[in-house]
Amino acid sequence: MAYRGRDLDLRVPHDNAGQRAGVPQTSAAETEHAQHNPHGGDATFLVNDTVLACFNHAYDIAAAHSAAEVRIAHLLLAATRISETATSLQARGIEVPQLMRDTAAVVASQFPSNTGNSSAAPKASHELEDVLRHAAAYADRQAHPINADDLVNVLFEIKSEVAGIELLDRNTDRFETRGSSTVRETPRERIRMPAGSSQYGYRQTVRTAVPNSA
């Protein structure tokens, strides 16, 4: 199984061990096809089957709505529909069913951009490519292909002004009860990105324990 778009080069390694229930195993022949499939992008991204399925589903959603680009909203909707990414979202305090409804409503409300050429394949938006690049950086540090947690971690760190990310903010439970403390997430000042890096910027969160009242 390869990425259905032509502008991203997503490859599943032959020894991919990031397999989870509900995501079909990529065969060696399919992986070989993905590795030799021409793409317009300038980078190759190693992903596990879950992430490939998520990006393919996001592509399908964008194509079904005649969108010119595969955007963050399409990726978020796809993530709510795949078990492993949905689990990662839920672990970060997201109400997944509500996020699914909200993202589906946003996607459905967007005016089709490819009405004049319904056969045109949607391209990945700059924001979506940016998510992929930063998820690759997460994965590289752990020496594994991009997995669901890497993807979700980056989605939580994109600054809220990026279109589609407000859907995460809207559905995040900012207070999580853990043992005898409540963990409060407080945004830090956004990091300045080095020259030549993404224009979108990222934020960090710091967690401070607040004792529960008796």
C-alpha atoms as a PDB file:
ATOM      1  CA  MET A   1       0.000   0.000   0.000  1.00  0.00           C
ATOM      2  CA  ALA A   2       1.473   3.332  -1.085  1.00  0.00           C
ATOM      3  CA  TYR A   3       0.363   6.907  -0.435  1.00  0.00           C
ATOM      4  CA  ARG A   4      -2.392   7.701  -2.914  1.00  0.00           C
ATOM      5  CA  GLY A   5      -1.229  11.227  -3.620  1.00  0.00           C
ATOM      6  CA  ARG A   6       1.696  12.037  -5.895  1.00  0.00           C
ATOM      7  CA  ASP A   7       3.386  14.763  -3.877  1.00  0.00           C
ATOM      8  CA  LEU A   8       4.419  12.927  -0.690  1.00  0.00           C
ATOM      9  CA  ASP A   9       6.884  10.060  -0.556  1.00  0.00           C
ATOM     10  CA  LEU A  10       5.768   7.900   2.377  1.00  0.00           C
ATOM     11  CA  ARG A  11       7.510   4.568   2.779  1.00  0.00           C
ATOM     12  CA  VAL A  12       6.845   1.685   5.148  1.00  0.00           C
ATOM     13  CA  PRO A  13      10.085  -0.190   5.977  1.00  0.00           C
ATOM     14  CA  HIS A  14      10.145  -3.905   5.228  1.00  0.00           C
ATOM     15  CA  ASP A  15      10.835  -4.669   8.890  1.00  0.00           C
ATOM     16  CA  ASN A  16       8.027  -2.410  10.133  1.00  0.00           C
ATOM     17  CA  ALA A  17       7.197  -3.590  13.638  1.00  0.00           C
ATOM     18  CA  GLY A  18       4.743  -0.828  14.448  1.00  0.00           C
ATOM     19  CA  GLN A  19       1.792  -2.979  13.571  1.00  0.00           C
ATOM     20  CA  ARG A  20      -1.405  -2.733  15.577  1.00  0.00           C
ATOM     21  CA  ALA A  21      -4.828  -4.310  15.374  1.00  0.00           C
ATOM     22  CA  GLY A  22      -7.150  -2.835  12.777  1.00  0.00           C
ATOM     23  CA  VAL A  23      -4.409  -1.754  10.344  1.00  0.00           C
ATOM     24  CA  PRO A  24      -3.597  -4.211   7.543  1.00  0.00           C
ATOM     25  CA  GLN A  25       0.012  -5.343   7.138  1.00  0.00           C
ATOM     26  CA  THR A  26       1.813  -3.843   4.161  1.00  0.00           C
ATOM     27  CA  SER A  27       3.207  -6.572   1.950  1.00  0.00           C
ATOM     28  CA  ALA A  28       6.767  -6.553   0.665  1.00  0.00           C
ATOM     29  CA  ALA A  29       5.484  -6.052  -2.881  1.00  0.00           C
ATOM     30  CA  GLU A  30       3.395  -3.045  -1.861  1.00  0.00           C
ATOM     31  CA  THR A  31       6.309  -1.522   0.033  1.00  0.00           C
ATOM     32  CA  GLU A  32       8.583  -2.048  -2.981  1.00  0.00           C
ATOM     33  CA  HIS A  33       5.991  -0.266  -5.142  1.00  0.00           C
ATOM     34  CA  ALA A  34       5.907   2.626  -2.686  1.00  0.00           C
ATOM     35  CA  GLN A  35       9.685   2.931  -2.771  1.00  0.00           C
ATOM     36  CA  HIS A  36       9.744   3.205  -6.563  1.00  0.00           C
ATOM     37  CA  ASN A  37       6.625   5.290  -7.006  1.00  0.00           C
ATOM     38  CA  PRO A  38       7.621   8.756  -8.370  1.00  0.00           C
ATOM     39  CA  HIS A  39       6.670  11.726  -6.191  1.00  0.00           C
ATOM     40  CA  GLY A  40       6.978  15.430  -6.601  1.00  0.00           C
ATOM     41  CA  GLY A  41       8.168  15.954  -3.017  1.00  0.00           C
ATOM     42  CA  ASP A  42      11.778  16.528  -2.075  1.00  0.00           C
ATOM     43  CA  ALA A  43      11.896  14.235   0.971  1.00  0.00           C
ATOM     44  CA  THR A  44      11.199  10.626   1.840  1.00  0.00           C
ATOM     45  CA  PHE A  45       9.390   9.879   5.109  1.00  0.00           C
ATOM     46  CA  LEU A  46       9.513   6.509   6.837  1.00  0.00           C
ATOM     47  CA  VAL A  47       6.143   5.745   8.431  1.00  0.00           C
ATOM     48  CA  ASN A  48       4.419   2.770   9.952  1.00  0.00           C
ATOM     49  CA  ASP A  49       1.241   1.282   8.510  1.00  0.00           C
ATOM     50  CA  THR A  50      -1.004   3.256  10.859  1.00  0.00           C
ATOM     51  CA  VAL A  51       0.371   6.625   9.753  1.00  0.00           C
ATOM     52  CA  LEU A  52       0.259   5.627   6.089  1.00  0.00           C
ATOM     53  CA  ALA A  53      -3.374   4.577   6.514  1.00  0.00           C
ATOM     54  CA  CYS A  54      -4.126   7.879   8.240  1.00  0.00           C
ATOM     55  CA  PHE A  55      -2.615   9.973   5.441  1.00  0.00           C
ATOM     56  CA  ASN A  56      -4.345   7.871   2.801  1.00  0.00           C
ATOM     57  CA  HIS A  57      -7.676   8.319   4.532  1.00  0.00           C
ATOM     58  CA  ALA A  58      -7.053  12.068   4.799  1.00  0.00           C
ATOM     59  CA  TYR A  59      -6.329  12.080   1.054  1.00  0.00           C
ATOM     60  CA  ASP A  60      -9.550  10.169   0.353  1.00  0.00           C
ATOM     61  CA  ILE A  61     -11.576  12.632   2.439  1.00  0.00           C
ATOM     62  CA  ALA A  62     -10.064  15.603   0.610  1.00  0.00           C
ATOM     63  CA  ALA A  63     -10.667  13.985  -2.797  1.00  0.00           C
ATOM     64  CA  ALA A  64     -14.259  13.097  -1.899  1.00  0.00           C
ATOM     65  CA  HIS A  65     -14.937  16.759  -1.081  1.00  0.00           C
ATOM     66  CA  SER A  66     -13.165  18.035  -4.211  1.00  0.00           C
ATOM     67  CA  ALA A  67     -10.582  19.876  -2.125  1.00  0.00           C
ATOM     68  CA  ALA A  68      -7.483  21.225  -3.856  1.00  0.00           C
ATOM     69  CA  GLU A  69      -5.349  20.380  -0.821  1.00  0.00           C
ATOM     70  CA  VAL A  70      -5.199  17.740   1.888  1.00  0.00           C
ATOM     71  CA  ARG A  71      -5.346  19.902   4.997  1.00  0.00           C
ATOM     72  CA  ILE A  72      -5.013  19.541   8.761  1.00  0.00           C
ATOM     73  CA  ALA A  73      -8.785  19.166   9.146  1.00  0.00           C
ATOM     74  CA  HIS A  74      -8.751  16.167   6.776  1.00  0.00           C
ATOM     75  CA  LEU A  75      -5.891  14.597   8.741  1.00  0.00           C
ATOM     76  CA  LEU A  76      -7.652  15.139  12.069  1.00  0.00           C
ATOM     77  CA  LEU A  77     -10.870  13.579  10.770  1.00  0.00           C
ATOM     78  CA  ALA A  78      -8.890  10.603   9.447  1.00  0.00           C
ATOM     79  CA  ALA A  79      -7.091  10.266  12.796  1.00  0.00           C
ATOM     80  CA  THR A  80     -10.403   9.964  14.666  1.00  0.00           C
ATOM     81  CA  ARG A  81     -11.415   7.061  12.423  1.00  0.00           C
ATOM     82  CA  ILE A  82      -8.291   4.907  12.841  1.00  0.00           C
ATOM     83  CA  SER A  83      -8.031   3.036  16.106  1.00  0.00           C
ATOM     84  CA  GLU A  84      -4.382   3.696  16.997  1.00  0.00           C
ATOM     85  CA  THR A  85      -4.393   7.416  16.221  1.00  0.00           C
ATOM     86  CA  ALA A  86      -7.754   7.769  17.975  1.00  0.00           C
ATOM     87  CA  THR A  87      -6.248   6.104  21.047  1.00  0.00           C
ATOM     88  CA  SER A  88      -3.302   8.530  20.976  1.00  0.00           C
ATOM     89  CA  LEU A  89      -5.691  11.481  20.733  1.00  0.00           C
ATOM     90  CA  GLN A  90      -7.769  10.173  23.627  1.00  0.00           C
ATOM     91  CA  ALA A  91      -4.624   9.744  25.744  1.00  0.00           C
ATOM     92  CA  ARG A  92      -3.961  13.468  25.274  1.00  0.00           C
ATOM     93  CA  GLY A  93      -7.384  14.393  26.665  1.00  0.00           C
ATOM     94  CA  ILE A  94      -9.290  14.645  23.376  1.00  0.00           C
ATOM     95  CA  GLU A  95     -12.977  13.782  23.236  1.00  0.00           C
ATOM     96  CA  VAL A  96     -12.599  11.730  20.052  1.00  0.00           C
ATOM     97  CA  PRO A  97     -16.302  11.353  19.104  1.00  0.00           C
ATOM     98  CA  GLN A  98     -16.826  15.108  19.458  1.00  0.00           C
ATOM     99  CA  LEU A  99     -13.652  15.855  17.491  1.00  0.00           C
ATOM    100  CA  MET A 100     -14.892  13.530  14.765  1.00  0.00           C
ATOM    101  CA  ARG A 101     -18.210  15.390  14.566  1.00  0.00           C
ATOM    102  CA  ASP A 102     -16.530  18.804  14.580  1.00  0.00           C
ATOM    103  CA  THR A 103     -13.966  17.978  11.920  1.00  0.00           C
ATOM    104  CA  ALA A 104     -16.589  16.296   9.724  1.00  0.00           C
ATOM    105  CA  ALA A 105     -18.735  19.428   9.943  1.00  0.00           C
ATOM    106  CA  VAL A 106     -15.794  21.692   9.043  1.00  0.00           C
ATOM    107  CA  VAL A 107     -14.766  19.518   6.098  1.00  0.00           C
ATOM    108  CA  ALA A 108     -18.334  19.339   4.805  1.00  0.00           C
ATOM    109  CA  SER A 109     -18.743  23.115   5.059  1.00  0.00           C
ATOM    110  CA  GLN A 110     -15.648  23.933   3.010  1.00  0.00           C
ATOM    111  CA  PHE A 111     -16.370  25.043  -0.545  1.00  0.00           C
ATOM    112  CA  PRO A 112     -15.012  22.571  -3.147  1.00  0.00           C
ATOM    113  CA  SER A 113     -11.873  23.907  -4.840  1.00  0.00           C
ATOM    114  CA  ASN A 114     -11.603  21.424  -7.707  1.00  0.00           C
ATOM    115  CA  THR A 115     -15.071  21.925  -9.190  1.00  0.00           C
ATOM    116  CA  GLY A 116     -13.570  22.757 -12.574  1.00  0.00           C
ATOM    117  CA  ASN A 117     -11.385  19.653 -12.609  1.00  0.00           C
ATOM    118  CA  SER A 118     -12.901  16.884 -10.534  1.00  0.00           C
ATOM    119  CA  SER A 119     -10.144  14.454 -11.546  1.00  0.00           C
ATOM    120  CA  ALA A 120      -7.345  16.645 -10.144  1.00  0.00           C
ATOM    121  CA  ALA A 121      -5.573  14.982  -7.215  1.00  0.00           C
ATOM    122  CA  PRO A 122      -5.462  17.067  -4.024  1.00  0.00           C
ATOM    123  CA  LYS A 123      -1.975  18.093  -2.965  1.00  0.00           C
ATOM    124  CA  ALA A 124      -0.715  18.147   0.584  1.00  0.00           C
ATOM    125  CA  SER A 125      -0.972  21.618   2.106  1.00  0.00           C
ATOM    126  CA  HIS A 126       2.170  23.301   3.408  1.00  0.00           C
ATOM    127  CA  GLU A 127       0.847  22.857   6.967  1.00  0.00           C
ATOM    128  CA  LEU A 128       0.362  19.118   6.414  1.00  0.00           C
ATOM    129  CA  GLU A 129       3.885  18.721   5.030  1.00  0.00           C
ATOM    130  CA  ASP A 130       5.167  20.668   8.011  1.00  0.00           C
ATOM    131  CA  VAL A 131       3.466  18.238  10.406  1.00  0.00           C
ATOM    132  CA  LEU A 132       5.078  15.349   8.578  1.00  0.00           C
ATOM    133  CA  ARG A 133       8.566  16.874   8.741  1.00  0.00           C
ATOM    134  CA  HIS A 134       8.358  17.548  12.460  1.00  0.00           C
ATOM    135  CA  ALA A 135       6.895  14.091  13.144  1.00  0.00           C
ATOM    136  CA  ALA A 136       9.889  12.673  11.262  1.00  0.00           C
ATOM    137  CA  ALA A 137      12.186  14.597  13.617  1.00  0.00           C
ATOM    138  CA  TYR A 138      10.398  13.022  16.613  1.00  0.00           C
ATOM    139  CA  ALA A 139      10.721   9.561  15.077  1.00  0.00           C
ATOM    140  CA  ASP A 140      14.376   9.997  14.118  1.00  0.00           C
ATOM    141  CA  ARG A 141      15.296  10.680  17.736  1.00  0.00           C
ATOM    142  CA  GLN A 142      13.729   7.354  18.686  1.00  0.00           C
ATOM    143  CA  ALA A 143      15.111   5.521  15.630  1.00  0.00           C
ATOM    144  CA  HIS A 144      11.753   4.288  14.372  1.00  0.00           C
ATOM    145  CA  PRO A 145       9.341   5.125  11.531  1.00  0.00           C
ATOM    146  CA  ILE A 146       6.778   7.830  12.249  1.00  0.00           C
ATOM    147  CA  ASN A 147       4.048   6.327  14.418  1.00  0.00           C
ATOM    148  CA  ALA A 148       0.707   7.517  15.771  1.00  0.00           C
ATOM    149  CA  ASP A 149       2.193   9.069  18.911  1.00  0.00           C
ATOM    150  CA  ASP A 150       4.757  11.047  16.907  1.00  0.00           C
ATOM    151  CA  LEU A 151       2.000  12.396  14.678  1.00  0.00           C
ATOM    152  CA  VAL A 152      -0.291  13.340  17.559  1.00  0.00           C
ATOM    153  CA  ASN A 153       2.548  14.946  19.526  1.00  0.00           C
ATOM    154  CA  VAL A 154       3.271  17.291  16.629  1.00  0.00           C
ATOM    155  CA  LEU A 155      -0.403  18.139  16.128  1.00  0.00           C
ATOM    156  CA  PHE A 156      -0.528  19.226  19.766  1.00  0.00           C
ATOM    157  CA  GLU A 157       2.527  21.432  19.369  1.00  0.00           C
ATOM    158  CA  ILE A 158       1.471  23.374  16.288  1.00  0.00           C
ATOM    159  CA  LYS A 159       0.455  26.878  17.234  1.00  0.00           C
ATOM    160  CA  SER A 160      -3.291  27.380  17.257  1.00  0.00           C
ATOM    161  CA  GLU A 161      -3.319  29.956  14.455  1.00  0.00           C
ATOM    162  CA  VAL A 162      -2.713  27.186  11.897  1.00  0.00           C
ATOM    163  CA  ALA A 163      -6.029  26.401  10.198  1.00  0.00           C
ATOM    164  CA  GLY A 164      -7.653  23.269  11.620  1.00  0.00           C
ATOM    165  CA  ILE A 165      -5.691  23.119  14.875  1.00  0.00           C
ATOM    166  CA  GLU A 166      -8.369  25.113  16.688  1.00  0.00           C
ATOM    167  CA  LEU A 167     -10.460  21.935  16.441  1.00  0.00           C
ATOM    168  CA  LEU A 168      -7.975  20.215  18.762  1.00  0.00           C
ATOM    169  CA  ASP A 169      -7.977  23.139  21.186  1.00  0.00           C
ATOM    170  CA  ARG A 170     -11.765  23.095  21.251  1.00  0.00           C
ATOM    171  CA  ASN A 171     -11.903  19.409  22.150  1.00  0.00           C
ATOM    172  CA  THR A 172      -8.994  19.138  24.590  1.00  0.00           C
ATOM    173  CA  ASP A 173      -9.604  18.576  28.260  1.00  0.00           C
ATOM    174  CA  ARG A 174      -6.995  20.953  29.708  1.00  0.00           C
ATOM    175  CA  PHE A 175      -7.305  19.521  33.222  1.00  0.00           C
ATOM    176  CA  GLU A 176      -6.494  15.867  33.767  1.00  0.00           C
ATOM    177  CA  THR A 177      -6.888  14.148  37.114  1.00  0.00           C
ATOM    178  CA  ARG A 178      -3.958  11.895  37.947  1.00  0.00           C
ATOM    179  CA  GLY A 179      -3.835  10.334  41.384  1.00  0.00           C
ATOM    180  CA  SER A 180      -4.180  13.042  43.991  1.00  0.00           C
ATOM    181  CA  SER A 181      -3.204  15.920  41.698  1.00  0.00           C
ATOM    182  CA  THR A 182      -4.723  17.739  38.792  1.00  0.00           C
ATOM    183  CA  VAL A 183      -2.293  18.333  35.943  1.00  0.00           C
ATOM    184  CA  ARG A 184      -2.712  21.737  34.346  1.00  0.00           C
ATOM    185  CA  GLU A 185      -1.230  22.443  30.928  1.00  0.00           C
ATOM    186  CA  THR A 186       0.162  25.942  30.644  1.00  0.00           C
ATOM    187  CA  PRO A 187       1.386  27.132  27.215  1.00  0.00           C
ATOM    188  CA  ARG A 188       4.941  28.403  27.101  1.00  0.00           C
ATOM    189  CA  GLU A 189       6.183  31.108  24.823  1.00  0.00           C
ATOM    190  CA  ARG A 190       6.350  29.769  21.310  1.00  0.00           C
ATOM    191  CA  ILE A 191       9.724  28.687  20.090  1.00  0.00           C
ATOM    192  CA  ARG A 192      11.502  30.711  17.428  1.00  0.00           C
ATOM    193  CA  MET A 193      12.258  28.353  14.562  1.00  0.00           C
ATOM    194  CA  PRO A 194      15.789  28.405  13.069  1.00  0.00           C
ATOM    195  CA  ALA A 195      16.323  30.079   9.716  1.00  0.00           C
ATOM    196  CA  GLY A 196      15.102  27.906   6.868  1.00  0.00           C
ATOM    197  CA  SER A 197      12.682  25.948   9.025  1.00  0.00           C
ATOM    198  CA  SER A 198       8.919  26.059   9.086  1.00  0.00           C
ATOM    199  CA  GLN A 199       7.118  29.373   9.081  1.00  0.00           C
ATOM    200  CA  TYR A 200       4.304  28.003  11.191  1.00  0.00           C
ATOM    201  CA  GLY A 201       6.040  27.735  14.557  1.00  0.00           C
ATOM    202  CA  TYR A 202       5.478  25.380  17.440  1.00  0.00           C
ATOM    203  CA  ARG A 203       4.509  25.685  21.063  1.00  0.00           C
ATOM    204  CA  GLN A 204       5.530  23.708  24.096  1.00  0.00           C
ATOM    205  CA  THR A 205       3.439  22.891  27.119  1.00  0.00           C
ATOM    206  CA  VAL A 206       4.614  22.614  30.682  1.00  0.00           C
ATOM    207  CA  ARG A 207       2.608  20.637  33.194  1.00  0.00           C
ATOM    208  CA  THR A 208       2.280  21.830  36.755  1.00  0.00           C
ATOM    209  CA  ALA A 209       0.710  19.732  39.470  1.00  0.00           C
ATOM    210  CA  VAL A 210      -2.094  21.427  41.384  1.00  0.00           C
ATOM    211  CA  PRO A 211      -3.242  19.606  44.565  1.00  0.00           C
ATOM    212  CA  ASN A 212      -6.892  18.644  44.526  1.00  0.00           C
ATOM    213  CA  SER A 213      -9.092  20.369  47.076  1.00  0.00           C
ATOM    214  CA  ALA A 214     -10.400  18.119  49.809  1.00  0.00           C
END
